[in-house]
Protein backbone atom coordinates (compact mmCIF):
# COMPACT_ATOMS: atom_id res chain seq x y z
CA GLY A 1 44.07 -19.95 13.80
CA GLY A 2 41.76 -17.42 15.31
CA ASP A 3 39.41 -14.97 13.70
CA ASN A 4 40.81 -12.73 11.09
CA PHE A 5 39.73 -9.02 11.37
CA THR A 6 40.58 -6.11 9.23
CA VAL A 7 40.80 -2.53 10.15
CA ILE A 8 38.02 -0.74 8.30
CA GLY A 9 38.08 2.63 10.08
CA THR A 10 39.72 4.54 12.83
CA ALA A 11 38.56 7.41 15.07
CA THR A 12 40.00 9.40 18.01
CA ALA A 13 38.20 9.40 21.38
CA ASP A 14 37.17 12.85 22.84
CA ALA A 15 38.03 13.86 26.35
CA TRP A 16 35.17 11.77 27.74
CA GLY A 17 36.20 8.76 25.78
CA ALA A 18 33.28 8.93 23.31
CA PHE A 19 33.95 8.39 19.61
CA THR A 20 32.05 8.04 16.26
CA LEU A 21 33.33 5.63 13.82
CA SER A 22 32.24 4.88 10.15
CA PRO A 23 33.91 2.42 7.74
CA GLY A 24 36.30 3.97 5.29
CA SER A 25 34.22 2.45 2.49
CA ALA A 26 30.65 1.11 2.23
CA LEU A 27 30.08 -2.30 3.58
CA ALA A 28 28.40 -4.73 1.14
CA ASP A 29 24.80 -5.95 1.69
CA GLY A 30 24.87 -9.06 3.86
CA GLU A 31 26.03 -10.23 7.32
CA HIS A 32 29.11 -8.58 8.86
CA VAL A 33 30.87 -9.22 12.29
CA LEU A 34 32.48 -5.96 13.76
CA ALA A 35 34.47 -5.36 16.92
CA VAL A 36 36.46 -2.52 18.33
CA GLN A 37 40.05 -2.34 19.57
CA VAL A 38 41.54 0.49 21.32
CA VAL A 39 45.25 1.85 21.06
CA ASP A 40 46.24 4.39 23.72
CA ALA A 41 48.68 7.25 23.56
CA ALA A 42 51.38 5.16 24.73
CA GLY A 43 50.79 2.63 21.96
CA ASN A 44 49.17 -0.05 24.23
CA THR A 45 46.53 -2.16 22.33
CA SER A 46 43.42 -3.47 24.12
CA SER A 47 41.70 -6.65 23.60
CA ARG A 48 39.01 -6.81 20.93
CA THR A 49 35.48 -5.96 22.20
CA ALA A 50 32.68 -8.55 21.96
CA ASN A 51 31.48 -9.13 18.49
CA LEU A 52 28.68 -7.13 17.08
CA ASN A 53 26.70 -8.79 14.25
CA LEU A 54 25.39 -6.38 11.65
CA THR A 55 23.23 -6.94 8.69
CA VAL A 56 23.47 -4.33 5.88
CA ASP A 57 20.40 -4.27 3.69
CA THR A 58 20.24 -1.25 1.22
CA ALA A 59 18.28 -3.06 -1.46
CA ALA A 60 14.61 -2.29 -1.94
CA PRO A 61 12.39 -5.53 -1.76
CA ILE A 62 10.29 -6.68 -4.50
CA ALA A 63 6.93 -8.30 -4.48
CA VAL A 64 4.83 -10.24 -7.06
CA PRO A 65 1.17 -10.00 -6.47
CA ASP A 66 -1.63 -12.09 -8.16
CA LEU A 67 -5.45 -12.43 -7.58
CA ALA A 68 -5.81 -15.58 -5.58
CA TRP A 69 -7.30 -18.45 -7.83
CA SER A 70 -10.14 -18.82 -5.53
CA ALA A 71 -11.15 -15.33 -5.83
CA ASP A 72 -10.69 -15.23 -9.72
CA THR A 73 -14.26 -16.05 -10.68
CA GLY A 74 -14.41 -14.78 -14.25
CA ALA A 75 -14.42 -16.83 -17.41
CA SER A 76 -10.93 -18.09 -16.70
CA SER A 77 -8.63 -18.55 -13.53
CA SER A 78 -6.32 -15.76 -14.86
CA ASP A 79 -8.57 -12.97 -16.19
CA ASN A 80 -8.55 -10.96 -12.83
CA VAL A 81 -12.29 -10.81 -12.74
CA THR A 82 -13.88 -11.47 -9.37
CA SER A 83 -17.35 -11.47 -7.89
CA THR A 84 -16.11 -10.51 -4.46
CA SER A 85 -15.79 -7.04 -3.33
CA THR A 86 -12.86 -7.93 -1.02
CA PRO A 87 -10.67 -10.22 -3.13
CA VAL A 88 -7.78 -12.01 -1.76
CA PHE A 89 -4.30 -11.48 -3.35
CA THR A 90 -1.33 -13.66 -2.88
CA GLY A 91 2.28 -13.34 -3.72
CA THR A 92 5.94 -13.29 -2.52
CA ALA A 93 8.03 -10.63 -1.01
CA GLU A 94 11.14 -10.34 1.22
CA ALA A 95 10.40 -12.41 4.48
CA GLY A 96 9.16 -10.29 7.19
CA SER A 97 8.51 -7.34 4.98
CA THR A 98 5.21 -5.22 5.03
CA VAL A 99 3.25 -5.56 1.77
CA GLU A 100 0.89 -2.64 0.91
CA LEU A 101 -1.92 -3.16 -1.48
CA ILE A 102 -2.50 0.10 -3.33
CA VAL A 103 -5.26 1.25 -5.66
CA LYS A 104 -4.84 3.87 -8.39
CA THR A 105 -7.28 6.83 -8.54
CA VAL A 106 -7.27 9.39 -11.21
CA ASN A 107 -7.93 13.00 -10.08
CA THR A 108 -10.05 14.52 -12.86
CA ASP A 109 -11.06 17.75 -11.02
CA PRO A 110 -9.45 20.63 -12.96
CA TRP A 111 -9.90 23.03 -10.09
CA SER A 112 -7.96 20.96 -7.60
CA GLY A 113 -4.59 21.83 -9.23
CA SER A 114 -3.25 18.37 -8.43
CA GLY A 115 -4.54 16.31 -11.37
CA GLY A 116 -2.84 13.05 -12.35
CA ASP A 117 -2.79 9.67 -10.79
CA ASN A 118 -2.84 9.08 -6.95
CA PHE A 119 -2.14 5.74 -5.28
CA THR A 120 -3.86 4.99 -1.90
CA VAL A 121 -2.96 2.09 0.44
CA ILE A 122 -6.05 0.02 0.93
CA GLY A 123 -4.55 -3.13 2.65
CA THR A 124 -1.43 -4.40 4.32
CA ALA A 125 0.01 -7.72 5.20
CA THR A 126 3.30 -9.19 6.50
CA ALA A 127 5.26 -11.70 4.47
CA ASP A 128 5.83 -14.94 6.36
CA ALA A 129 9.24 -16.52 6.93
CA TRP A 130 9.26 -17.88 3.42
CA GLY A 131 8.19 -14.57 1.92
CA ALA A 132 4.52 -15.58 1.12
CA PHE A 133 1.76 -13.14 1.72
CA THR A 134 -1.97 -12.97 1.54
CA LEU A 135 -3.85 -9.71 1.75
CA SER A 136 -7.21 -8.05 0.95
CA PRO A 137 -8.43 -4.61 0.76
CA GLY A 138 -9.61 -3.22 4.26
CA SER A 139 -12.89 -2.25 2.74
CA ALA A 140 -15.08 -3.32 -0.26
CA LEU A 141 -14.14 -2.28 -3.70
CA ALA A 142 -17.02 -0.96 -5.66
CA ASP A 143 -18.14 -2.93 -8.87
CA GLY A 144 -16.06 -1.79 -11.84
CA ASP A 145 -12.48 -1.60 -13.00
CA HIS A 146 -9.64 -1.03 -10.64
CA VAL A 147 -5.91 -0.68 -11.09
CA LEU A 148 -4.06 -2.23 -8.21
CA ALA A 149 -0.37 -2.69 -7.33
CA VAL A 150 1.67 -3.49 -4.34
CA GLN A 151 4.77 -1.95 -2.79
CA VAL A 152 6.96 -3.44 0.00
CA VAL A 153 8.69 -2.00 3.01
CA ASP A 154 11.37 -4.26 4.50
CA ALA A 155 12.62 -4.35 8.04
CA ALA A 156 15.41 -1.99 7.19
CA GLY A 157 13.01 0.65 6.04
CA ASN A 158 13.71 0.22 2.22
CA THR A 159 10.55 0.89 0.22
CA SER A 160 10.21 -0.76 -3.25
CA SER A 161 8.76 0.76 -6.28
CA ARG A 162 5.23 -0.06 -7.06
CA THR A 163 4.79 -3.32 -8.97
CA ALA A 164 3.39 -3.46 -12.36
CA ASN A 165 -0.26 -2.54 -12.48
CA LEU A 166 -2.76 -5.50 -11.94
CA ASN A 167 -5.96 -4.68 -13.71
CA LEU A 168 -9.01 -5.95 -11.71
CA THR A 169 -12.71 -6.03 -12.53
CA VAL A 170 -15.03 -6.47 -9.54
CA ASP A 171 -18.61 -7.74 -10.68
CA THR A 172 -20.58 -8.84 -7.70
CA GLU A 173 -23.45 -9.80 -10.04
CA ILE A 174 -21.51 -12.62 -11.50
CA GLY A 175 -23.52 -15.88 -10.83
CA ARG A 176 -26.59 -14.15 -9.57
């Protein structure tokens, strides 16, 4: 047998032959092969058009960041204390997605009217074909405590929520 296609929607062409067609119900995430077939007013059916390969991706990507073990220079390799002001973070995300490193700042100015927490992107990287990423802040972090997280934007434009906060202490005086 040949390919099996199912009608998922119909449309009527306008006087110039243009039409817009949407499926009758949402396509599931994943790979789909679509084609169009035309039936004229006399009931004649055309051949199917060439296949159109379509990927539906509605899911926001996720990422799991961690301070690289080589940058974690505190008392243990998992305490998130570093002696470098531009530490390296590693993790995994959806392959090809853009990973954004963000830092939390607290607005304590009572006159600004905005108050609350703000998050600023301080670095970006692209996850490789296996989803691995490595990224650092674009400029040095000051000594002290920082609250960091990542968010991810995939090729379809879906943006993830921020990950859980990663508390980081920068102490460039360690080992001096």
